[in-house]
Amino acid sequence: MLVIRRRAGEALVLDGSIEVQILEIAANRVKIGIIAPPAVPVVRKEVVLAREQNRAAANPAAGSLESLARGLREAGWCSPGSTP
């Protein structure tokens, strides 16, 4: 990780096409502005993490449906030839 000190009004450039500007510094917050090409997504990290968690929760683990069906059959909730 590269650590750089910047003051309000200063900026840094990433990969020649992405500019990160320090707009304002308060007691415990820094307001930044990001100028990037349209092809470069700029997203807050907490949004990315929430998206990943939602995708993981939406995809059942391998074998979990088969395990559930077997448990339902063993409990007598459905017959062996039927699909729960």
PDB file of N, CA and C in Angstrom:
ATOM      1  N   MET A   1       0.845  -1.165   0.000  1.00  0.00           N
ATOM      2  CA  MET A   1       0.000   0.000   0.000  1.00  0.00           C
ATOM      3  C   MET A   1       0.896   1.236   0.000  1.00  0.00           C
ATOM      4  N   LEU A   2       0.597   2.137  -0.892  1.00  0.00           N
ATOM      5  CA  LEU A   2       1.304   3.408  -0.954  1.00  0.00           C
ATOM      6  C   LEU A   2       0.547   4.415  -0.098  1.00  0.00           C
ATOM      7  N   VAL A   3       1.228   5.081   0.810  1.00  0.00           N
ATOM      8  CA  VAL A   3       0.610   6.085   1.673  1.00  0.00           C
ATOM      9  C   VAL A   3       1.164   7.445   1.275  1.00  0.00           C
ATOM     10  N   ILE A   4       0.263   8.371   0.942  1.00  0.00           N
ATOM     11  CA  ILE A   4       0.648   9.712   0.498  1.00  0.00           C
ATOM     12  C   ILE A   4      -0.111  10.741   1.326  1.00  0.00           C
ATOM     13  N   ARG A   5       0.588  11.758   1.762  1.00  0.00           N
ATOM     14  CA  ARG A   5      -0.075  12.858   2.470  1.00  0.00           C
ATOM     15  C   ARG A   5      -0.461  13.925   1.444  1.00  0.00           C
ATOM     16  N   ARG A   6      -1.680  14.401   1.536  1.00  0.00           N
ATOM     17  CA  ARG A   6      -2.175  15.448   0.651  1.00  0.00           C
ATOM     18  C   ARG A   6      -2.921  16.483   1.485  1.00  0.00           C
ATOM     19  N   ARG A   7      -2.937  17.689   1.007  1.00  0.00           N
ATOM     20  CA  ARG A   7      -3.706  18.763   1.641  1.00  0.00           C
ATOM     21  C   ARG A   7      -4.931  19.048   0.790  1.00  0.00           C
ATOM     22  N   ALA A   8      -5.893  19.739   1.374  1.00  0.00           N
ATOM     23  CA  ALA A   8      -7.078  20.139   0.613  1.00  0.00           C
ATOM     24  C   ALA A   8      -6.631  20.941  -0.610  1.00  0.00           C
ATOM     25  N   GLY A   9      -7.234  20.625  -1.747  1.00  0.00           N
ATOM     26  CA  GLY A   9      -6.878  21.290  -2.994  1.00  0.00           C
ATOM     27  C   GLY A   9      -5.827  20.550  -3.802  1.00  0.00           C
ATOM     28  N   GLU A  10      -5.172  19.562  -3.209  1.00  0.00           N
ATOM     29  CA  GLU A  10      -4.167  18.789  -3.930  1.00  0.00           C
ATOM     30  C   GLU A  10      -4.810  17.538  -4.533  1.00  0.00           C
ATOM     31  N   ALA A  11      -4.095  16.897  -5.433  1.00  0.00           N
ATOM     32  CA  ALA A  11      -4.637  15.728  -6.128  1.00  0.00           C
ATOM     33  C   ALA A  11      -3.525  14.731  -6.409  1.00  0.00           C
ATOM     34  N   LEU A  12      -3.932  13.557  -6.851  1.00  0.00           N
ATOM     35  CA  LEU A  12      -2.994  12.568  -7.355  1.00  0.00           C
ATOM     36  C   LEU A  12      -3.629  11.895  -8.559  1.00  0.00           C
ATOM     37  N   VAL A  13      -2.788  11.355  -9.420  1.00  0.00           N
ATOM     38  CA  VAL A  13      -3.254  10.743 -10.662  1.00  0.00           C
ATOM     39  C   VAL A  13      -2.875   9.269 -10.654  1.00  0.00           C
ATOM     40  N   LEU A  14      -3.855   8.426 -11.014  1.00  0.00           N
ATOM     41  CA  LEU A  14      -3.648   6.981 -11.092  1.00  0.00           C
ATOM     42  C   LEU A  14      -3.718   6.544 -12.549  1.00  0.00           C
ATOM     43  N   ASP A  15      -2.757   5.803 -12.981  1.00  0.00           N
ATOM     44  CA  ASP A  15      -2.744   5.206 -14.319  1.00  0.00           C
ATOM     45  C   ASP A  15      -2.907   6.246 -15.431  1.00  0.00           C
ATOM     46  N   GLY A  16      -2.566   7.490 -15.167  1.00  0.00           N
ATOM     47  CA  GLY A  16      -2.611   8.528 -16.191  1.00  0.00           C
ATOM     48  C   GLY A  16      -3.983   9.043 -16.563  1.00  0.00           C
ATOM     49  N   SER A  17      -5.054   8.396 -16.100  1.00  0.00           N
ATOM     50  CA  SER A  17      -6.391   8.824 -16.516  1.00  0.00           C
ATOM     51  C   SER A  17      -7.380   8.983 -15.368  1.00  0.00           C
ATOM     52  N   ILE A  18      -6.978   8.661 -14.164  1.00  0.00           N
ATOM     53  CA  ILE A  18      -7.873   8.760 -13.006  1.00  0.00           C
ATOM     54  C   ILE A  18      -7.274   9.771 -12.038  1.00  0.00           C
ATOM     55  N   GLU A  19      -8.042  10.814 -11.742  1.00  0.00           N
ATOM     56  CA  GLU A  19      -7.567  11.848 -10.832  1.00  0.00           C
ATOM     57  C   GLU A  19      -8.379  11.808  -9.549  1.00  0.00           C
ATOM     58  N   VAL A  20      -7.688  11.794  -8.425  1.00  0.00           N
ATOM     59  CA  VAL A  20      -8.322  11.822  -7.105  1.00  0.00           C
ATOM     60  C   VAL A  20      -7.954  13.159  -6.471  1.00  0.00           C
ATOM     61  N   GLN A  21      -8.971  13.981  -6.219  1.00  0.00           N
ATOM     62  CA  GLN A  21      -8.756  15.308  -5.644  1.00  0.00           C
ATOM     63  C   GLN A  21      -9.176  15.320  -4.185  1.00  0.00           C
ATOM     64  N   ILE A  22      -8.391  15.963  -3.338  1.00  0.00           N
ATOM     65  CA  ILE A  22      -8.762  16.162  -1.942  1.00  0.00           C
ATOM     66  C   ILE A  22      -9.523  17.482  -1.906  1.00  0.00           C
ATOM     67  N   LEU A  23     -10.829  17.421  -1.670  1.00  0.00           N
ATOM     68  CA  LEU A  23     -11.663  18.615  -1.716  1.00  0.00           C
ATOM     69  C   LEU A  23     -11.760  19.320  -0.373  1.00  0.00           C
ATOM     70  N   GLU A  24     -11.881  18.525   0.689  1.00  0.00           N
ATOM     71  CA  GLU A  24     -12.107  19.117   2.008  1.00  0.00           C
ATOM     72  C   GLU A  24     -11.625  18.155   3.084  1.00  0.00           C
ATOM     73  N   ILE A  25     -11.054  18.708   4.134  1.00  0.00           N
ATOM     74  CA  ILE A  25     -10.619  17.899   5.267  1.00  0.00           C
ATOM     75  C   ILE A  25     -11.293  18.449   6.510  1.00  0.00           C
ATOM     76  N   ALA A  26     -12.013  17.586   7.225  1.00  0.00           N
ATOM     77  CA  ALA A  26     -12.668  17.964   8.477  1.00  0.00           C
ATOM     78  C   ALA A  26     -12.014  17.170   9.602  1.00  0.00           C
ATOM     79  N   ALA A  27     -12.585  17.240  10.798  1.00  0.00           N
ATOM     80  CA  ALA A  27     -11.997  16.587  11.974  1.00  0.00           C
ATOM     81  C   ALA A  27     -11.700  15.109  11.730  1.00  0.00           C
ATOM     82  N   ASN A  28     -12.685  14.349  11.266  1.00  0.00           N
ATOM     83  CA  ASN A  28     -12.470  12.913  11.067  1.00  0.00           C
ATOM     84  C   ASN A  28     -12.982  12.447   9.710  1.00  0.00           C
ATOM     85  N   ARG A  29     -13.107  13.366   8.764  1.00  0.00           N
ATOM     86  CA  ARG A  29     -13.596  13.010   7.433  1.00  0.00           C
ATOM     87  C   ARG A  29     -12.782  13.719   6.362  1.00  0.00           C
ATOM     88  N   VAL A  30     -12.673  13.069   5.243  1.00  0.00           N
ATOM     89  CA  VAL A  30     -12.012  13.665   4.087  1.00  0.00           C
ATOM     90  C   VAL A  30     -12.983  13.579   2.922  1.00  0.00           C
ATOM     91  N   LYS A  31     -13.225  14.695   2.262  1.00  0.00           N
ATOM     92  CA  LYS A  31     -14.100  14.717   1.093  1.00  0.00           C
ATOM     93  C   LYS A  31     -13.203  14.657  -0.138  1.00  0.00           C
ATOM     94  N   ILE A  32     -13.419  13.644  -0.976  1.00  0.00           N
ATOM     95  CA  ILE A  32     -12.597  13.479  -2.170  1.00  0.00           C
ATOM     96  C   ILE A  32     -13.470  13.554  -3.412  1.00  0.00           C
ATOM     97  N   GLY A  33     -12.858  13.927  -4.500  1.00  0.00           N
ATOM     98  CA  GLY A  33     -13.507  13.907  -5.802  1.00  0.00           C
ATOM     99  C   GLY A  33     -12.703  13.014  -6.718  1.00  0.00           C
ATOM    100  N   ILE A  34     -13.396  12.252  -7.551  1.00  0.00           N
ATOM    101  CA  ILE A  34     -12.714  11.311  -8.438  1.00  0.00           C
ATOM    102  C   ILE A  34     -13.154  11.585  -9.868  1.00  0.00           C
ATOM    103  N   ILE A  35     -12.193  11.823 -10.734  1.00  0.00           N
ATOM    104  CA  ILE A  35     -12.458  12.000 -12.156  1.00  0.00           C
ATOM    105  C   ILE A  35     -11.876  10.775 -12.850  1.00  0.00           C
ATOM    106  N   ALA A  36     -12.754  10.014 -13.520  1.00  0.00           N
ATOM    107  CA  ALA A  36     -12.314   8.779 -14.177  1.00  0.00           C
ATOM    108  C   ALA A  36     -13.064   8.611 -15.496  1.00  0.00           C
ATOM    109  N   PRO A  37     -12.479   7.894 -16.431  1.00  0.00           N
ATOM    110  CA  PRO A  37     -13.182   7.609 -17.686  1.00  0.00           C
ATOM    111  C   PRO A  37     -14.466   6.827 -17.409  1.00  0.00           C
ATOM    112  N   PRO A  38     -15.467   6.959 -18.277  1.00  0.00           N
ATOM    113  CA  PRO A  38     -16.734   6.244 -18.076  1.00  0.00           C
ATOM    114  C   PRO A  38     -16.569   4.726 -17.964  1.00  0.00           C
ATOM    115  N   ALA A  39     -15.541   4.174 -18.567  1.00  0.00           N
ATOM    116  CA  ALA A  39     -15.338   2.721 -18.530  1.00  0.00           C
ATOM    117  C   ALA A  39     -14.792   2.239 -17.189  1.00  0.00           C
ATOM    118  N   VAL A  40     -14.387   3.162 -16.325  1.00  0.00           N
ATOM    119  CA  VAL A  40     -13.823   2.789 -15.026  1.00  0.00           C
ATOM    120  C   VAL A  40     -14.887   2.973 -13.952  1.00  0.00           C
ATOM    121  N   PRO A  41     -15.393   1.881 -13.383  1.00  0.00           N
ATOM    122  CA  PRO A  41     -16.397   2.025 -12.326  1.00  0.00           C
ATOM    123  C   PRO A  41     -15.766   2.575 -11.050  1.00  0.00           C
ATOM    124  N   VAL A  42     -16.444   3.532 -10.440  1.00  0.00           N
ATOM    125  CA  VAL A  42     -16.005   4.094  -9.161  1.00  0.00           C
ATOM    126  C   VAL A  42     -17.123   3.819  -8.165  1.00  0.00           C
ATOM    127  N   VAL A  43     -16.860   2.939  -7.206  1.00  0.00           N
ATOM    128  CA  VAL A  43     -17.884   2.482  -6.268  1.00  0.00           C
ATOM    129  C   VAL A  43     -17.289   2.462  -4.869  1.00  0.00           C
ATOM    130  N   ARG A  44     -18.100   2.845  -3.885  1.00  0.00           N
ATOM    131  CA  ARG A  44     -17.651   2.755  -2.490  1.00  0.00           C
ATOM    132  C   ARG A  44     -17.448   1.289  -2.119  1.00  0.00           C
ATOM    133  N   LYS A  45     -16.442   1.020  -1.290  1.00  0.00           N
ATOM    134  CA  LYS A  45     -16.102  -0.356  -0.929  1.00  0.00           C
ATOM    135  C   LYS A  45     -17.261  -1.066  -0.240  1.00  0.00           C
ATOM    136  N   GLU A  46     -18.001  -0.376   0.637  1.00  0.00           N
ATOM    137  CA  GLU A  46     -19.103  -1.036   1.336  1.00  0.00           C
ATOM    138  C   GLU A  46     -20.198  -1.484   0.368  1.00  0.00           C
ATOM    139  N   VAL A  47     -20.350  -0.784  -0.761  1.00  0.00           N
ATOM    140  CA  VAL A  47     -21.328  -1.203  -1.772  1.00  0.00           C
ATOM    141  C   VAL A  47     -20.850  -2.482  -2.452  1.00  0.00           C
ATOM    142  N   VAL A  48     -19.566  -2.557  -2.763  1.00  0.00           N
ATOM    143  CA  VAL A  48     -19.001  -3.765  -3.382  1.00  0.00           C
ATOM    144  C   VAL A  48     -19.150  -4.963  -2.445  1.00  0.00           C
ATOM    145  N   LEU A  49     -18.841  -4.766  -1.159  1.00  0.00           N
ATOM    146  CA  LEU A  49     -18.949  -5.861  -0.190  1.00  0.00           C
ATOM    147  C   LEU A  49     -20.394  -6.329  -0.046  1.00  0.00           C
ATOM    148  N   ALA A  50     -21.344  -5.397   0.003  1.00  0.00           N
ATOM    149  CA  ALA A  50     -22.759  -5.766   0.116  1.00  0.00           C
ATOM    150  C   ALA A  50     -23.207  -6.540  -1.123  1.00  0.00           C
ATOM    151  N   ARG A  51     -22.750  -6.112  -2.290  1.00  0.00           N
ATOM    152  CA  ARG A  51     -23.102  -6.805  -3.534  1.00  0.00           C
ATOM    153  C   ARG A  51     -22.572  -8.239  -3.514  1.00  0.00           C
ATOM    154  N   GLU A  52     -21.324  -8.419  -3.065  1.00  0.00           N
ATOM    155  CA  GLU A  52     -20.735  -9.762  -2.991  1.00  0.00           C
ATOM    156  C   GLU A  52     -21.485 -10.645  -1.998  1.00  0.00           C
ATOM    157  N   GLN A  53     -21.868 -10.082  -0.859  1.00  0.00           N
ATOM    158  CA  GLN A  53     -22.616 -10.848   0.142  1.00  0.00           C
ATOM    159  C   GLN A  53     -23.986 -11.250  -0.393  1.00  0.00           C
ATOM    160  N   ASN A  54     -24.644 -10.353  -1.117  1.00  0.00           N
ATOM    161  CA  ASN A  54     -25.948 -10.673  -1.694  1.00  0.00           C
ATOM    162  C   ASN A  54     -25.837 -11.787  -2.726  1.00  0.00           C
ATOM    163  N   ARG A  55     -24.805 -11.722  -3.560  1.00  0.00           N
ATOM    164  CA  ARG A  55     -24.615 -12.779  -4.561  1.00  0.00           C
ATOM    165  C   ARG A  55     -24.339 -14.124  -3.898  1.00  0.00           C
ATOM    166  N   ALA A  56     -23.523 -14.118  -2.854  1.00  0.00           N
ATOM    167  CA  ALA A  56     -23.209 -15.366  -2.152  1.00  0.00           C
ATOM    168  C   ALA A  56     -24.453 -15.941  -1.491  1.00  0.00           C
ATOM    169  N   ALA A  57     -25.294 -15.088  -0.928  1.00  0.00           N
ATOM    170  CA  ALA A  57     -26.508 -15.558  -0.262  1.00  0.00           C
ATOM    171  C   ALA A  57     -27.536 -16.071  -1.264  1.00  0.00           C
ATOM    172  N   ALA A  58     -27.523 -15.534  -2.484  1.00  0.00           N
ATOM    173  CA  ALA A  58     -28.494 -15.937  -3.497  1.00  0.00           C
ATOM    174  C   ALA A  58     -28.143 -17.272  -4.138  1.00  0.00           C
ATOM    175  N   ASN A  59     -26.884 -17.685  -4.063  1.00  0.00           N
ATOM    176  CA  ASN A  59     -26.450 -18.948  -4.658  1.00  0.00           C
ATOM    177  C   ASN A  59     -26.365 -20.016  -3.582  1.00  0.00           C
ATOM    178  N   PRO A  60     -27.245 -21.024  -3.654  1.00  0.00           N
ATOM    179  CA  PRO A  60     -27.179 -22.082  -2.640  1.00  0.00           C
ATOM    180  C   PRO A  60     -25.881 -22.875  -2.763  1.00  0.00           C
ATOM    181  N   ALA A  61     -25.411 -23.353  -1.659  1.00  0.00           N
ATOM    182  CA  ALA A  61     -24.190 -24.162  -1.654  1.00  0.00           C
ATOM    183  C   ALA A  61     -24.425 -25.444  -2.444  1.00  0.00           C
ATOM    184  N   ALA A  62     -23.379 -25.933  -3.077  1.00  0.00           N
ATOM    185  CA  ALA A  62     -23.481 -27.160  -3.859  1.00  0.00           C
ATOM    186  C   ALA A  62     -23.953 -28.300  -2.969  1.00  0.00           C
ATOM    187  N   GLY A  63     -24.968 -29.009  -3.434  1.00  0.00           N
ATOM    188  CA  GLY A  63     -25.477 -30.145  -2.680  1.00  0.00           C
ATOM    189  C   GLY A  63     -26.508 -29.789  -1.630  1.00  0.00           C
ATOM    190  N   SER A  64     -26.737 -28.505  -1.373  1.00  0.00           N
ATOM    191  CA  SER A  64     -27.666 -28.146  -0.302  1.00  0.00           C
ATOM    192  C   SER A  64     -29.106 -28.499  -0.664  1.00  0.00           C
ATOM    193  N   LEU A  65     -29.487 -28.342  -1.945  1.00  0.00           N
ATOM    194  CA  LEU A  65     -30.854 -28.688  -2.346  1.00  0.00           C
ATOM    195  C   LEU A  65     -31.073 -30.198  -2.284  1.00  0.00           C
ATOM    196  N   GLU A  66     -30.066 -30.951  -2.703  1.00  0.00           N
ATOM    197  CA  GLU A  66     -30.189 -32.404  -2.634  1.00  0.00           C
ATOM    198  C   GLU A  66     -30.287 -32.861  -1.180  1.00  0.00           C
ATOM    199  N   SER A  67     -29.508 -32.245  -0.324  1.00  0.00           N
ATOM    200  CA  SER A  67     -29.541 -32.580   1.099  1.00  0.00           C
ATOM    201  C   SER A  67     -30.906 -32.254   1.694  1.00  0.00           C
ATOM    202  N   LEU A  68     -31.481 -31.116   1.309  1.00  0.00           N
ATOM    203  CA  LEU A  68     -32.809 -30.736   1.791  1.00  0.00           C
ATOM    204  C   LEU A  68     -33.854 -31.734   1.316  1.00  0.00           C
ATOM    205  N   ALA A  69     -33.805 -32.119   0.033  1.00  0.00           N
ATOM    206  CA  ALA A  69     -34.766 -33.080  -0.505  1.00  0.00           C
ATOM    207  C   ALA A  69     -34.656 -34.419   0.217  1.00  0.00           C
ATOM    208  N   ARG A  70     -33.437 -34.875   0.468  1.00  0.00           N
ATOM    209  CA  ARG A  70     -33.241 -36.137   1.178  1.00  0.00           C
ATOM    210  C   ARG A  70     -33.826 -36.050   2.586  1.00  0.00           C
ATOM    211  N   GLY A  71     -33.603 -34.937   3.260  1.00  0.00           N
ATOM    212  CA  GLY A  71     -34.144 -34.748   4.606  1.00  0.00           C
ATOM    213  C   GLY A  71     -35.659 -34.740   4.615  1.00  0.00           C
ATOM    214  N   LEU A  72     -36.272 -34.122   3.610  1.00  0.00           N
ATOM    215  CA  LEU A  72     -37.738 -34.099   3.526  1.00  0.00           C
ATOM    216  C   LEU A  72     -38.290 -35.497   3.278  1.00  0.00           C
ATOM    217  N   ARG A  73     -37.615 -36.258   2.399  1.00  0.00           N
ATOM    218  CA  ARG A  73     -38.063 -37.630   2.142  1.00  0.00           C
ATOM    219  C   ARG A  73     -37.937 -38.484   3.396  1.00  0.00           C
ATOM    220  N   GLU A  74     -36.808 -38.359   4.095  1.00  0.00           N
ATOM    221  CA  GLU A  74     -36.594 -39.145   5.314  1.00  0.00           C
ATOM    222  C   GLU A  74     -37.586 -38.777   6.408  1.00  0.00           C
ATOM    223  N   ALA A  75     -38.020 -37.542   6.425  1.00  0.00           N
ATOM    224  CA  ALA A  75     -38.989 -37.100   7.436  1.00  0.00           C
ATOM    225  C   ALA A  75     -40.414 -37.449   7.035  1.00  0.00           C
ATOM    226  N   GLY A  76     -40.592 -37.973   5.808  1.00  0.00           N
ATOM    227  CA  GLY A  76     -41.920 -38.357   5.362  1.00  0.00           C
ATOM    228  C   GLY A  76     -42.735 -37.212   4.779  1.00  0.00           C
ATOM    229  N   TRP A  77     -42.104 -36.108   4.465  1.00  0.00           N
ATOM    230  CA  TRP A  77     -42.823 -34.960   3.917  1.00  0.00           C
ATOM    231  C   TRP A  77     -43.108 -35.122   2.433  1.00  0.00           C
ATOM    232  N   CYS A  78     -42.384 -35.992   1.750  1.00  0.00           N
ATOM    233  CA  CYS A  78     -42.670 -36.253   0.346  1.00  0.00           C
ATOM    234  C   CYS A  78     -42.278 -37.695   0.047  1.00  0.00           C
ATOM    235  N   SER A  79     -42.882 -38.228  -1.008  1.00  0.00           N
ATOM    236  CA  SER A  79     -42.608 -39.620  -1.351  1.00  0.00           C
ATOM    237  C   SER A  79     -41.287 -39.716  -2.105  1.00  0.00           C
ATOM    238  N   PRO A  80     -40.625 -40.887  -2.080  1.00  0.00           N
ATOM    239  CA  PRO A  80     -39.306 -41.038  -2.697  1.00  0.00           C
ATOM    240  C   PRO A  80     -39.257 -40.676  -4.177  1.00  0.00           C
ATOM    241  N   GLY A  81     -40.319 -40.914  -4.939  1.00  0.00           N
ATOM    242  CA  GLY A  81     -40.301 -40.627  -6.375  1.00  0.00           C
ATOM    243  C   GLY A  81     -40.661 -39.196  -6.714  1.00  0.00           C
ATOM    244  N   SER A  82     -41.170 -38.439  -5.763  1.00  0.00           N
ATOM    245  CA  SER A  82     -41.609 -37.076  -6.069  1.00  0.00           C
ATOM    246  C   SER A  82     -40.485 -36.078  -5.858  1.00  0.00           C
ATOM    247  N   THR A  83     -40.685 -34.905  -6.400  1.00  0.00           N
ATOM    248  CA  THR A  83     -39.715 -33.823  -6.238  1.00  0.00           C
ATOM    249  C   THR A  83     -40.275 -32.831  -5.234  1.00  0.00           C
ATOM    250  N   PRO A  84     -39.547 -32.553  -4.159  1.00  0.00           N
ATOM    251  CA  PRO A  84     -40.052 -31.608  -3.155  1.00  0.00           C
ATOM    252  C   PRO A  84     -40.093 -30.193  -3.682  1.00  0.00           C
TER     253      PRO A  84
END
